[in-house]
Amino acid sequence: MNDNLYIVIVDDDPAHIALIKRALKKCNLAKNIISFHSGQQVLDFVYGNGEFNTQARPQQILILLDINMPGLNGIEVLKKLKNELTSQTIPVIMLTTSDDPTEIDTCLQLGCNAYLVKPIEQKSFADTIHRLKPSLTLTQTPHTIP
């Protein structure tokens, strides 16, 4: 994995964050991991607002985004990221407990790069990240990972 890539986990459940981090570590993908508990926090990070106004944003970011969060939910965050010129090429993987076809379709139409339903096995998660690896810093056609 690219040493300059930052993997950003956005989930309001600390247990889910811990599981995702553990899976990333087992796949040797744990070099630069940042986690946030809200949609607003990740938007502040990406756009350099609030507590991040003096920090430069990493050049390469992959966002693992939960949908069901209080405040700004994952769909609202995805919509904002994909509608802003400065953030629309950031790859976003929806990583959520919902397998609602309408929600999946909405996320894909908004431009997510992949949609994974939790819980997922660590091997499946690692395979998904590795399949996306060649295009993590490029805009790509969205797809769903079974």
N, C-alpha and C. Protein backbone atom coordinates (compact mmCIF):
# COMPACT_ATOMS: atom_id res chain seq x y z
N MET A 1 0.85 -1.18 0.00
CA MET A 1 0.00 0.00 0.00
C MET A 1 0.89 1.23 0.00
N ASN A 2 0.42 2.26 -0.61
CA ASN A 2 1.14 3.53 -0.71
C ASN A 2 1.35 4.14 0.67
N ASP A 3 2.60 4.46 1.01
CA ASP A 3 2.90 5.04 2.33
C ASP A 3 2.30 6.42 2.52
N ASN A 4 1.93 7.10 1.43
CA ASN A 4 1.34 8.43 1.51
C ASN A 4 -0.17 8.40 1.64
N LEU A 5 -0.76 7.21 1.54
CA LEU A 5 -2.21 7.08 1.62
C LEU A 5 -2.66 7.09 3.08
N TYR A 6 -3.66 7.91 3.36
CA TYR A 6 -4.29 7.93 4.68
C TYR A 6 -5.65 7.27 4.56
N ILE A 7 -5.89 6.28 5.39
CA ILE A 7 -7.19 5.63 5.44
C ILE A 7 -7.97 6.28 6.57
N VAL A 8 -9.13 6.84 6.23
CA VAL A 8 -9.95 7.57 7.19
C VAL A 8 -11.21 6.75 7.45
N ILE A 9 -11.37 6.32 8.69
CA ILE A 9 -12.54 5.55 9.10
C ILE A 9 -13.52 6.51 9.77
N VAL A 10 -14.78 6.50 9.31
CA VAL A 10 -15.80 7.36 9.90
C VAL A 10 -16.94 6.47 10.36
N ASP A 11 -17.08 6.31 11.68
CA ASP A 11 -18.09 5.44 12.26
C ASP A 11 -18.35 5.90 13.69
N ASP A 12 -19.60 5.97 14.08
CA ASP A 12 -19.91 6.41 15.44
C ASP A 12 -19.78 5.30 16.46
N ASP A 13 -19.52 4.07 16.04
CA ASP A 13 -19.38 2.94 16.95
C ASP A 13 -17.90 2.60 17.14
N PRO A 14 -17.36 2.87 18.34
CA PRO A 14 -15.94 2.59 18.60
C PRO A 14 -15.56 1.12 18.37
N ALA A 15 -16.49 0.20 18.61
CA ALA A 15 -16.20 -1.22 18.40
C ALA A 15 -16.00 -1.51 16.91
N HIS A 16 -16.81 -0.86 16.05
CA HIS A 16 -16.64 -1.06 14.61
C HIS A 16 -15.31 -0.48 14.14
N ILE A 17 -14.95 0.67 14.67
CA ILE A 17 -13.66 1.28 14.32
C ILE A 17 -12.52 0.34 14.69
N ALA A 18 -12.60 -0.24 15.88
CA ALA A 18 -11.55 -1.17 16.34
C ALA A 18 -11.46 -2.39 15.42
N LEU A 19 -12.60 -2.93 15.01
CA LEU A 19 -12.60 -4.10 14.11
C LEU A 19 -12.00 -3.75 12.75
N ILE A 20 -12.35 -2.59 12.23
CA ILE A 20 -11.82 -2.16 10.92
C ILE A 20 -10.31 -1.96 11.02
N LYS A 21 -9.86 -1.31 12.09
CA LYS A 21 -8.42 -1.10 12.27
C LYS A 21 -7.68 -2.43 12.37
N ARG A 22 -8.26 -3.37 13.10
CA ARG A 22 -7.63 -4.69 13.24
C ARG A 22 -7.53 -5.38 11.88
N ALA A 23 -8.58 -5.28 11.07
CA ALA A 23 -8.55 -5.88 9.74
C ALA A 23 -7.50 -5.21 8.87
N LEU A 24 -7.38 -3.90 8.96
CA LEU A 24 -6.38 -3.17 8.17
C LEU A 24 -4.97 -3.57 8.60
N LYS A 25 -4.76 -3.75 9.90
CA LYS A 25 -3.44 -4.16 10.39
C LYS A 25 -3.08 -5.56 9.92
N LYS A 26 -4.06 -6.48 9.95
CA LYS A 26 -3.80 -7.84 9.51
C LYS A 26 -3.46 -7.90 8.03
N CYS A 27 -3.93 -6.90 7.29
CA CYS A 27 -3.66 -6.84 5.84
C CYS A 27 -2.44 -5.98 5.54
N ASN A 28 -1.74 -5.57 6.58
CA ASN A 28 -0.60 -4.65 6.41
C ASN A 28 -1.00 -3.36 5.72
N LEU A 29 -2.17 -2.85 6.06
CA LEU A 29 -2.68 -1.61 5.48
C LEU A 29 -2.83 -0.54 6.54
N ALA A 30 -2.08 -0.66 7.63
CA ALA A 30 -2.32 0.19 8.79
C ALA A 30 -1.30 1.31 8.96
N LYS A 31 -0.62 1.69 7.92
CA LYS A 31 0.43 2.71 8.06
C LYS A 31 -0.14 4.04 8.56
N ASN A 32 -1.13 4.59 7.88
CA ASN A 32 -1.71 5.89 8.24
C ASN A 32 -3.22 5.76 8.37
N ILE A 33 -3.70 5.57 9.58
CA ILE A 33 -5.14 5.43 9.81
C ILE A 33 -5.59 6.55 10.74
N ILE A 34 -6.68 7.19 10.35
CA ILE A 34 -7.30 8.23 11.17
C ILE A 34 -8.75 7.81 11.34
N SER A 35 -9.31 8.02 12.52
CA SER A 35 -10.73 7.69 12.69
C SER A 35 -11.48 8.88 13.26
N PHE A 36 -12.73 8.99 12.82
CA PHE A 36 -13.64 10.03 13.29
C PHE A 36 -14.95 9.39 13.66
N HIS A 37 -15.66 10.02 14.61
CA HIS A 37 -16.92 9.48 15.09
C HIS A 37 -18.14 10.20 14.51
N SER A 38 -17.91 11.18 13.62
CA SER A 38 -19.05 11.89 13.04
C SER A 38 -18.74 12.36 11.63
N GLY A 39 -19.82 12.56 10.88
CA GLY A 39 -19.69 13.08 9.53
C GLY A 39 -19.10 14.47 9.51
N GLN A 40 -19.46 15.29 10.46
CA GLN A 40 -18.94 16.66 10.49
C GLN A 40 -17.43 16.67 10.72
N GLN A 41 -16.94 15.77 11.56
CA GLN A 41 -15.50 15.70 11.81
C GLN A 41 -14.72 15.40 10.53
N VAL A 42 -15.19 14.45 9.74
CA VAL A 42 -14.46 14.11 8.52
C VAL A 42 -14.53 15.24 7.51
N LEU A 43 -15.66 15.93 7.43
CA LEU A 43 -15.75 17.08 6.52
C LEU A 43 -14.81 18.19 6.97
N ASP A 44 -14.74 18.44 8.26
CA ASP A 44 -13.80 19.45 8.78
C ASP A 44 -12.37 19.05 8.42
N PHE A 45 -12.04 17.77 8.55
CA PHE A 45 -10.71 17.28 8.21
C PHE A 45 -10.41 17.49 6.73
N VAL A 46 -11.33 17.08 5.87
CA VAL A 46 -11.13 17.17 4.43
C VAL A 46 -11.00 18.63 3.97
N TYR A 47 -11.83 19.51 4.52
CA TYR A 47 -11.85 20.90 4.06
C TYR A 47 -11.02 21.85 4.91
N GLY A 48 -10.35 21.32 5.94
CA GLY A 48 -9.48 22.16 6.77
C GLY A 48 -10.24 23.15 7.62
N ASN A 49 -11.39 22.76 8.14
CA ASN A 49 -12.19 23.63 9.00
C ASN A 49 -12.05 23.24 10.46
N GLY A 50 -12.55 24.10 11.35
CA GLY A 50 -12.55 23.79 12.78
C GLY A 50 -11.17 23.49 13.30
N GLU A 51 -11.03 22.39 14.03
CA GLU A 51 -9.75 22.03 14.65
C GLU A 51 -8.67 21.70 13.62
N PHE A 52 -9.05 21.54 12.36
CA PHE A 52 -8.09 21.18 11.31
C PHE A 52 -7.69 22.36 10.43
N ASN A 53 -8.07 23.58 10.82
CA ASN A 53 -7.83 24.75 9.96
C ASN A 53 -6.36 25.10 9.79
N THR A 54 -5.49 24.58 10.63
CA THR A 54 -4.06 24.87 10.48
C THR A 54 -3.28 23.69 9.92
N GLN A 55 -3.97 22.58 9.64
CA GLN A 55 -3.30 21.38 9.14
C GLN A 55 -3.50 21.24 7.63
N ALA A 56 -2.48 20.79 6.96
CA ALA A 56 -2.61 20.47 5.54
C ALA A 56 -3.26 19.10 5.40
N ARG A 57 -4.17 18.99 4.47
CA ARG A 57 -4.84 17.71 4.22
C ARG A 57 -3.86 16.79 3.49
N PRO A 58 -3.80 15.51 3.89
CA PRO A 58 -2.97 14.57 3.14
C PRO A 58 -3.40 14.54 1.67
N GLN A 59 -2.46 14.31 0.78
CA GLN A 59 -2.75 14.31 -0.65
C GLN A 59 -3.56 13.09 -1.09
N GLN A 60 -3.37 11.96 -0.41
CA GLN A 60 -4.07 10.74 -0.79
C GLN A 60 -4.87 10.23 0.39
N ILE A 61 -6.18 10.18 0.19
CA ILE A 61 -7.09 9.77 1.26
C ILE A 61 -8.05 8.72 0.70
N LEU A 62 -8.33 7.71 1.50
CA LEU A 62 -9.39 6.75 1.24
C LEU A 62 -10.32 6.83 2.44
N ILE A 63 -11.61 7.04 2.21
CA ILE A 63 -12.56 7.16 3.30
C ILE A 63 -13.42 5.91 3.37
N LEU A 64 -13.47 5.31 4.56
CA LEU A 64 -14.38 4.20 4.88
C LEU A 64 -15.50 4.81 5.70
N LEU A 65 -16.69 4.91 5.13
CA LEU A 65 -17.75 5.74 5.69
C LEU A 65 -18.98 4.93 6.06
N ASP A 66 -19.38 5.01 7.33
CA ASP A 66 -20.61 4.40 7.80
C ASP A 66 -21.78 5.29 7.37
N ILE A 67 -22.94 4.69 7.15
CA ILE A 67 -24.12 5.48 6.77
C ILE A 67 -24.87 5.98 7.99
N ASN A 68 -25.14 5.09 8.93
CA ASN A 68 -26.02 5.42 10.06
C ASN A 68 -25.26 6.04 11.21
N MET A 69 -25.19 7.37 11.19
CA MET A 69 -24.52 8.13 12.26
C MET A 69 -25.44 9.28 12.66
N PRO A 70 -25.36 9.70 13.92
CA PRO A 70 -26.14 10.87 14.34
C PRO A 70 -25.58 12.13 13.67
N GLY A 71 -26.40 13.16 13.60
CA GLY A 71 -25.96 14.39 12.94
C GLY A 71 -25.93 14.15 11.44
N LEU A 72 -24.84 14.52 10.80
CA LEU A 72 -24.68 14.26 9.36
C LEU A 72 -24.48 12.77 9.14
N ASN A 73 -25.38 12.15 8.42
CA ASN A 73 -25.20 10.72 8.16
C ASN A 73 -24.26 10.51 6.98
N GLY A 74 -23.90 9.27 6.72
CA GLY A 74 -22.94 8.97 5.68
C GLY A 74 -23.37 9.39 4.29
N ILE A 75 -24.65 9.29 4.00
CA ILE A 75 -25.14 9.69 2.67
C ILE A 75 -24.97 11.20 2.49
N GLU A 76 -25.26 11.98 3.53
CA GLU A 76 -25.08 13.43 3.45
C GLU A 76 -23.60 13.79 3.27
N VAL A 77 -22.73 13.07 3.98
CA VAL A 77 -21.28 13.30 3.85
C VAL A 77 -20.83 12.94 2.44
N LEU A 78 -21.26 11.80 1.94
CA LEU A 78 -20.90 11.37 0.59
C LEU A 78 -21.35 12.41 -0.44
N LYS A 79 -22.57 12.89 -0.30
CA LYS A 79 -23.11 13.89 -1.23
C LYS A 79 -22.24 15.15 -1.23
N LYS A 80 -21.86 15.60 -0.06
CA LYS A 80 -21.02 16.80 0.05
C LYS A 80 -19.65 16.56 -0.59
N LEU A 81 -19.04 15.43 -0.27
CA LEU A 81 -17.72 15.12 -0.82
C LEU A 81 -17.73 15.05 -2.34
N LYS A 82 -18.75 14.43 -2.90
CA LYS A 82 -18.79 14.23 -4.34
C LYS A 82 -19.31 15.45 -5.11
N ASN A 83 -19.89 16.41 -4.40
CA ASN A 83 -20.37 17.64 -5.06
C ASN A 83 -19.36 18.77 -5.04
N GLU A 84 -18.30 18.63 -4.26
CA GLU A 84 -17.27 19.67 -4.17
C GLU A 84 -16.08 19.30 -5.05
N LEU A 85 -15.65 20.22 -5.87
CA LEU A 85 -14.54 19.98 -6.79
C LEU A 85 -13.28 19.51 -6.06
N THR A 86 -13.00 20.09 -4.88
CA THR A 86 -11.77 19.77 -4.16
C THR A 86 -11.78 18.38 -3.52
N SER A 87 -12.94 17.75 -3.45
CA SER A 87 -13.00 16.44 -2.77
C SER A 87 -13.65 15.34 -3.61
N GLN A 88 -14.12 15.64 -4.79
CA GLN A 88 -14.89 14.64 -5.53
C GLN A 88 -14.07 13.44 -6.00
N THR A 89 -12.75 13.56 -6.05
CA THR A 89 -11.94 12.41 -6.47
C THR A 89 -11.47 11.55 -5.29
N ILE A 90 -11.81 11.93 -4.08
CA ILE A 90 -11.45 11.11 -2.92
C ILE A 90 -12.27 9.82 -2.97
N PRO A 91 -11.61 8.65 -3.00
CA PRO A 91 -12.36 7.39 -2.99
C PRO A 91 -13.11 7.21 -1.67
N VAL A 92 -14.38 6.82 -1.77
CA VAL A 92 -15.20 6.59 -0.59
C VAL A 92 -15.81 5.20 -0.68
N ILE A 93 -15.55 4.40 0.34
CA ILE A 93 -16.15 3.08 0.46
C ILE A 93 -17.19 3.17 1.57
N MET A 94 -18.43 2.90 1.23
CA MET A 94 -19.48 2.86 2.23
C MET A 94 -19.33 1.53 2.95
N LEU A 95 -19.19 1.58 4.25
CA LEU A 95 -18.96 0.39 5.07
C LEU A 95 -20.02 0.45 6.17
N THR A 96 -21.12 -0.28 5.97
CA THR A 96 -22.28 -0.08 6.81
C THR A 96 -23.03 -1.38 7.06
N THR A 97 -23.93 -1.38 8.02
CA THR A 97 -24.71 -2.57 8.34
C THR A 97 -25.94 -2.71 7.45
N SER A 98 -26.26 -1.70 6.68
CA SER A 98 -27.47 -1.71 5.86
C SER A 98 -27.24 -2.40 4.52
N ASP A 99 -28.14 -3.33 4.18
CA ASP A 99 -28.09 -3.93 2.85
C ASP A 99 -29.34 -3.56 2.06
N ASP A 100 -29.95 -2.44 2.43
CA ASP A 100 -31.15 -1.93 1.75
C ASP A 100 -30.80 -1.55 0.32
N PRO A 101 -31.43 -2.20 -0.68
CA PRO A 101 -31.11 -1.92 -2.08
C PRO A 101 -31.28 -0.44 -2.46
N THR A 102 -32.26 0.23 -1.88
CA THR A 102 -32.46 1.64 -2.18
C THR A 102 -31.29 2.47 -1.68
N GLU A 103 -30.80 2.16 -0.48
CA GLU A 103 -29.65 2.86 0.09
C GLU A 103 -28.39 2.60 -0.74
N ILE A 104 -28.20 1.36 -1.14
CA ILE A 104 -27.05 0.99 -1.97
C ILE A 104 -27.10 1.78 -3.27
N ASP A 105 -28.26 1.79 -3.92
CA ASP A 105 -28.42 2.50 -5.19
C ASP A 105 -28.16 3.99 -5.03
N THR A 106 -28.66 4.57 -3.94
CA THR A 106 -28.43 6.00 -3.67
C THR A 106 -26.94 6.29 -3.55
N CYS A 107 -26.24 5.48 -2.79
CA CYS A 107 -24.80 5.69 -2.60
C CYS A 107 -24.03 5.55 -3.91
N LEU A 108 -24.38 4.55 -4.70
CA LEU A 108 -23.71 4.37 -5.98
C LEU A 108 -23.99 5.53 -6.92
N GLN A 109 -25.24 6.01 -6.93
CA GLN A 109 -25.58 7.16 -7.78
C GLN A 109 -24.85 8.42 -7.34
N LEU A 110 -24.61 8.55 -6.05
CA LEU A 110 -23.90 9.73 -5.54
C LEU A 110 -22.40 9.66 -5.79
N GLY A 111 -21.89 8.48 -6.15
CA GLY A 111 -20.49 8.39 -6.52
C GLY A 111 -19.59 7.63 -5.58
N CYS A 112 -20.14 6.82 -4.67
CA CYS A 112 -19.24 6.03 -3.83
C CYS A 112 -18.48 5.05 -4.72
N ASN A 113 -17.30 4.66 -4.28
CA ASN A 113 -16.46 3.78 -5.07
C ASN A 113 -16.73 2.31 -4.81
N ALA A 114 -17.32 2.00 -3.66
CA ALA A 114 -17.71 0.64 -3.33
C ALA A 114 -18.65 0.69 -2.13
N TYR A 115 -19.41 -0.39 -1.96
CA TYR A 115 -20.38 -0.48 -0.87
C TYR A 115 -20.20 -1.85 -0.23
N LEU A 116 -19.78 -1.88 1.04
CA LEU A 116 -19.59 -3.13 1.76
C LEU A 116 -20.56 -3.20 2.93
N VAL A 117 -21.15 -4.36 3.12
CA VAL A 117 -22.08 -4.55 4.23
C VAL A 117 -21.35 -5.19 5.40
N LYS A 118 -21.41 -4.53 6.58
CA LYS A 118 -20.81 -5.07 7.80
C LYS A 118 -21.78 -6.08 8.41
N PRO A 119 -21.37 -7.05 9.16
CA PRO A 119 -19.96 -7.36 9.37
C PRO A 119 -19.41 -8.10 8.17
N ILE A 120 -18.15 -7.87 7.89
CA ILE A 120 -17.50 -8.59 6.81
C ILE A 120 -16.30 -9.31 7.40
N GLU A 121 -16.00 -10.44 6.80
CA GLU A 121 -14.84 -11.21 7.26
C GLU A 121 -13.57 -10.44 6.92
N GLN A 122 -12.57 -10.59 7.75
CA GLN A 122 -11.31 -9.87 7.53
C GLN A 122 -10.71 -10.21 6.18
N LYS A 123 -10.79 -11.47 5.76
CA LYS A 123 -10.23 -11.87 4.47
C LYS A 123 -10.96 -11.16 3.33
N SER A 124 -12.27 -11.10 3.42
CA SER A 124 -13.07 -10.43 2.39
C SER A 124 -12.74 -8.94 2.35
N PHE A 125 -12.60 -8.34 3.53
CA PHE A 125 -12.26 -6.92 3.62
C PHE A 125 -10.90 -6.67 2.99
N ALA A 126 -9.92 -7.50 3.32
CA ALA A 126 -8.57 -7.35 2.78
C ALA A 126 -8.59 -7.50 1.27
N ASP A 127 -9.33 -8.49 0.77
CA ASP A 127 -9.41 -8.70 -0.68
C ASP A 127 -10.01 -7.48 -1.37
N THR A 128 -11.03 -6.90 -0.76
CA THR A 128 -11.67 -5.72 -1.34
C THR A 128 -10.70 -4.54 -1.41
N ILE A 129 -9.99 -4.29 -0.32
CA ILE A 129 -9.03 -3.17 -0.30
C ILE A 129 -7.95 -3.42 -1.35
N HIS A 130 -7.47 -4.65 -1.44
CA HIS A 130 -6.41 -4.94 -2.42
C HIS A 130 -6.91 -4.80 -3.86
N ARG A 131 -8.16 -5.16 -4.11
CA ARG A 131 -8.72 -4.99 -5.46
C ARG A 131 -8.84 -3.52 -5.82
N LEU A 132 -9.12 -2.68 -4.83
CA LEU A 132 -9.27 -1.25 -5.08
C LEU A 132 -7.94 -0.52 -5.11
N LYS A 133 -6.90 -1.15 -4.58
CA LYS A 133 -5.59 -0.53 -4.42
C LYS A 133 -5.07 0.19 -5.67
N PRO A 134 -5.12 -0.41 -6.86
CA PRO A 134 -4.56 0.28 -8.02
C PRO A 134 -5.24 1.61 -8.36
N SER A 135 -6.47 1.78 -7.93
CA SER A 135 -7.19 2.99 -8.32
C SER A 135 -7.61 3.84 -7.13
N LEU A 136 -6.97 3.67 -5.98
CA LEU A 136 -7.39 4.41 -4.80
C LEU A 136 -7.26 5.92 -4.94
N THR A 137 -6.39 6.39 -5.76
CA THR A 137 -6.23 7.84 -5.89
C THR A 137 -6.84 8.37 -7.19
N LEU A 138 -7.61 7.53 -7.86
CA LEU A 138 -8.24 7.95 -9.10
C LEU A 138 -9.75 7.93 -8.96
N THR A 139 -10.42 8.76 -9.73
CA THR A 139 -11.87 8.67 -9.80
C THR A 139 -12.18 7.41 -10.59
N GLN A 140 -13.11 6.62 -10.09
CA GLN A 140 -13.46 5.40 -10.81
C GLN A 140 -14.96 5.23 -10.84
N THR A 141 -15.40 4.36 -11.71
CA THR A 141 -16.82 4.05 -11.78
C THR A 141 -17.22 3.29 -10.53
N PRO A 142 -18.27 3.75 -9.86
CA PRO A 142 -18.69 3.08 -8.62
C PRO A 142 -19.14 1.65 -8.87
N HIS A 143 -18.99 0.82 -7.86
CA HIS A 143 -19.47 -0.55 -7.95
C HIS A 143 -19.74 -1.08 -6.54
N THR A 144 -20.49 -2.18 -6.48
CA THR A 144 -20.79 -2.81 -5.21
C THR A 144 -19.92 -4.04 -5.07
N ILE A 145 -19.37 -4.24 -3.89
CA ILE A 145 -18.57 -5.43 -3.59
C ILE A 145 -19.47 -6.39 -2.82
N PRO A 146 -19.65 -7.60 -3.32
CA PRO A 146 -20.54 -8.56 -2.62
C PRO A 146 -19.97 -8.95 -1.27
